[in-house]
Amino acid sequence: MDEAVREFGGEWLVWEIDDTCVAVTFHVDEAESNHKPWLGIIIVAPLFRGRGVARAVVDELCFRKKEQLVLFAAVPISAYEWLDFLGHLQFEQYGVQKDLKEREFLILTRSLTTNK
């Protein structure tokens, strides 16, 4: 985990309810590529899936950086489940980008002004 922090300058957070870990996230407040916030990963504990935890966590991340307008995320185009999941969290398609290995990723954005 420390390697991601060094490489991307991000932050790992553990999200708890009543001292129980319900989710873990990695996000970058200001990516080197575009100086915007990015969601790197969100993992919700199996017992808490489908209960609105992911939406609450993303909402909290969104409203931490009031001077920014969007939160970005990238997903391999073939990862349909992740695209559907992020769609439920109000992310929308922004574009397609290839990495250095020519793999295609769908770039998604979520307005930081979206009401909770």
Protein backbone atom coordinates (compact mmCIF):
# COMPACT_ATOMS: atom_id res chain seq x y z
CA MET A 1 0.00 0.00 0.00
CA ASP A 2 2.85 2.37 0.74
CA GLU A 3 4.02 2.05 -2.87
CA ALA A 4 0.73 3.54 -4.13
CA VAL A 5 1.10 6.46 -1.74
CA ARG A 6 4.65 7.12 -2.92
CA GLU A 7 3.84 6.70 -6.61
CA PHE A 8 0.58 8.64 -6.74
CA GLY A 9 0.71 10.81 -3.61
CA GLY A 10 -2.66 9.47 -2.50
CA GLU A 11 -4.26 8.50 0.75
CA TRP A 12 -5.65 5.19 2.04
CA LEU A 13 -8.65 5.58 4.31
CA VAL A 14 -10.47 3.03 6.45
CA TRP A 15 -14.16 3.85 6.88
CA GLU A 16 -15.87 2.64 10.05
CA ILE A 17 -19.33 2.46 11.55
CA ASP A 18 -19.41 1.80 15.29
CA ASP A 19 -15.73 0.72 15.24
CA THR A 20 -16.39 -1.80 12.46
CA CYS A 21 -14.49 -1.45 9.18
CA VAL A 22 -17.10 -1.08 6.41
CA ALA A 23 -14.92 0.17 3.54
CA VAL A 24 -11.39 0.99 2.41
CA THR A 25 -10.53 3.60 -0.21
CA PHE A 26 -7.51 4.96 -2.00
CA HIS A 27 -7.85 8.40 -3.53
CA VAL A 28 -5.64 11.18 -4.82
CA ASP A 29 -6.61 14.76 -4.02
CA GLU A 30 -4.54 16.17 -6.90
CA ALA A 31 -3.26 13.81 -9.59
CA GLU A 32 -0.07 14.70 -11.37
CA SER A 33 -1.77 14.14 -14.74
CA ASN A 34 -4.52 16.76 -14.44
CA HIS A 35 -4.30 18.21 -10.91
CA LYS A 36 -7.79 16.85 -10.14
CA PRO A 37 -9.03 14.40 -7.48
CA TRP A 38 -9.21 10.72 -8.47
CA LEU A 39 -10.83 7.72 -6.83
CA GLY A 40 -8.36 4.87 -7.13
CA ILE A 41 -10.22 2.10 -5.35
CA ILE A 42 -13.17 1.49 -3.09
CA ILE A 43 -13.75 -1.81 -1.34
CA VAL A 44 -16.87 -2.32 0.76
CA ALA A 45 -16.96 -5.15 3.30
CA PRO A 46 -19.27 -7.93 2.05
CA LEU A 47 -21.70 -7.59 4.98
CA PHE A 48 -22.24 -3.91 4.15
CA ARG A 49 -22.68 -4.12 0.37
CA GLY A 50 -25.99 -2.92 -1.02
CA ARG A 51 -26.62 -0.70 2.02
CA GLY A 52 -25.49 2.65 0.61
CA VAL A 53 -22.02 2.56 2.17
CA ALA A 54 -20.19 3.13 -1.14
CA ARG A 55 -22.40 6.09 -2.00
CA ALA A 56 -21.87 7.64 1.44
CA VAL A 57 -18.10 7.17 1.19
CA VAL A 58 -17.91 8.69 -2.31
CA ASP A 59 -20.15 11.56 -1.21
CA GLU A 60 -17.78 12.25 1.67
CA LEU A 61 -14.74 12.19 -0.62
CA CYS A 62 -16.50 14.50 -3.07
CA PHE A 63 -17.36 17.13 -0.53
CA ARG A 64 -13.86 17.25 0.99
CA LYS A 65 -12.45 19.28 -1.93
CA LYS A 66 -14.85 22.15 -2.41
CA GLU A 67 -12.66 24.04 -4.91
CA GLN A 68 -12.73 21.11 -7.38
CA LEU A 69 -15.67 20.46 -9.71
CA VAL A 70 -15.30 16.74 -10.47
CA LEU A 71 -13.95 13.49 -9.08
CA PHE A 72 -12.32 11.22 -11.68
CA ALA A 73 -12.08 7.43 -11.88
CA ALA A 74 -10.68 5.05 -14.50
CA VAL A 75 -11.88 1.53 -15.23
CA PRO A 76 -10.72 -1.05 -17.78
CA ILE A 77 -13.34 -1.07 -20.53
CA SER A 78 -13.88 -4.79 -20.03
CA ALA A 79 -14.78 -4.36 -16.33
CA TYR A 80 -18.54 -4.11 -16.83
CA GLU A 81 -19.36 -4.71 -13.16
CA TRP A 82 -17.22 -1.76 -12.08
CA LEU A 83 -18.75 0.48 -14.74
CA ASP A 84 -22.22 -0.43 -13.49
CA PHE A 85 -21.17 0.06 -9.86
CA LEU A 86 -19.69 3.50 -10.51
CA GLY A 87 -22.75 4.43 -12.58
CA HIS A 88 -24.90 3.79 -9.52
CA LEU A 89 -22.61 6.19 -7.65
CA GLN A 90 -23.41 8.95 -10.19
CA PHE A 91 -20.21 8.67 -12.24
CA GLU A 92 -20.62 9.42 -15.94
CA GLN A 93 -18.50 8.60 -18.97
CA TYR A 94 -15.93 11.27 -19.79
CA GLY A 95 -13.73 9.57 -22.37
CA VAL A 96 -11.46 6.68 -23.28
CA GLN A 97 -7.73 6.61 -22.68
CA LYS A 98 -4.96 4.10 -23.38
CA ASP A 99 -2.16 3.36 -20.94
CA LEU A 100 1.47 2.69 -21.87
CA LYS A 101 0.61 -0.96 -22.63
CA GLU A 102 -2.18 0.14 -25.01
CA ARG A 103 -4.94 -1.10 -22.66
CA GLU A 104 -8.12 0.95 -22.92
CA PHE A 105 -9.70 2.56 -19.88
CA LEU A 106 -12.97 4.37 -19.61
CA ILE A 107 -12.50 7.66 -17.78
CA LEU A 108 -15.45 8.57 -15.58
CA THR A 109 -16.33 11.73 -13.71
CA ARG A 110 -18.70 12.58 -10.92
CA SER A 111 -19.77 16.13 -10.30
CA LEU A 112 -18.69 17.34 -6.89
CA THR A 113 -21.72 19.58 -6.79
CA THR A 114 -24.13 16.62 -6.97
CA ASN A 115 -26.56 16.65 -4.07
CA LYS A 116 -26.21 13.85 -1.56
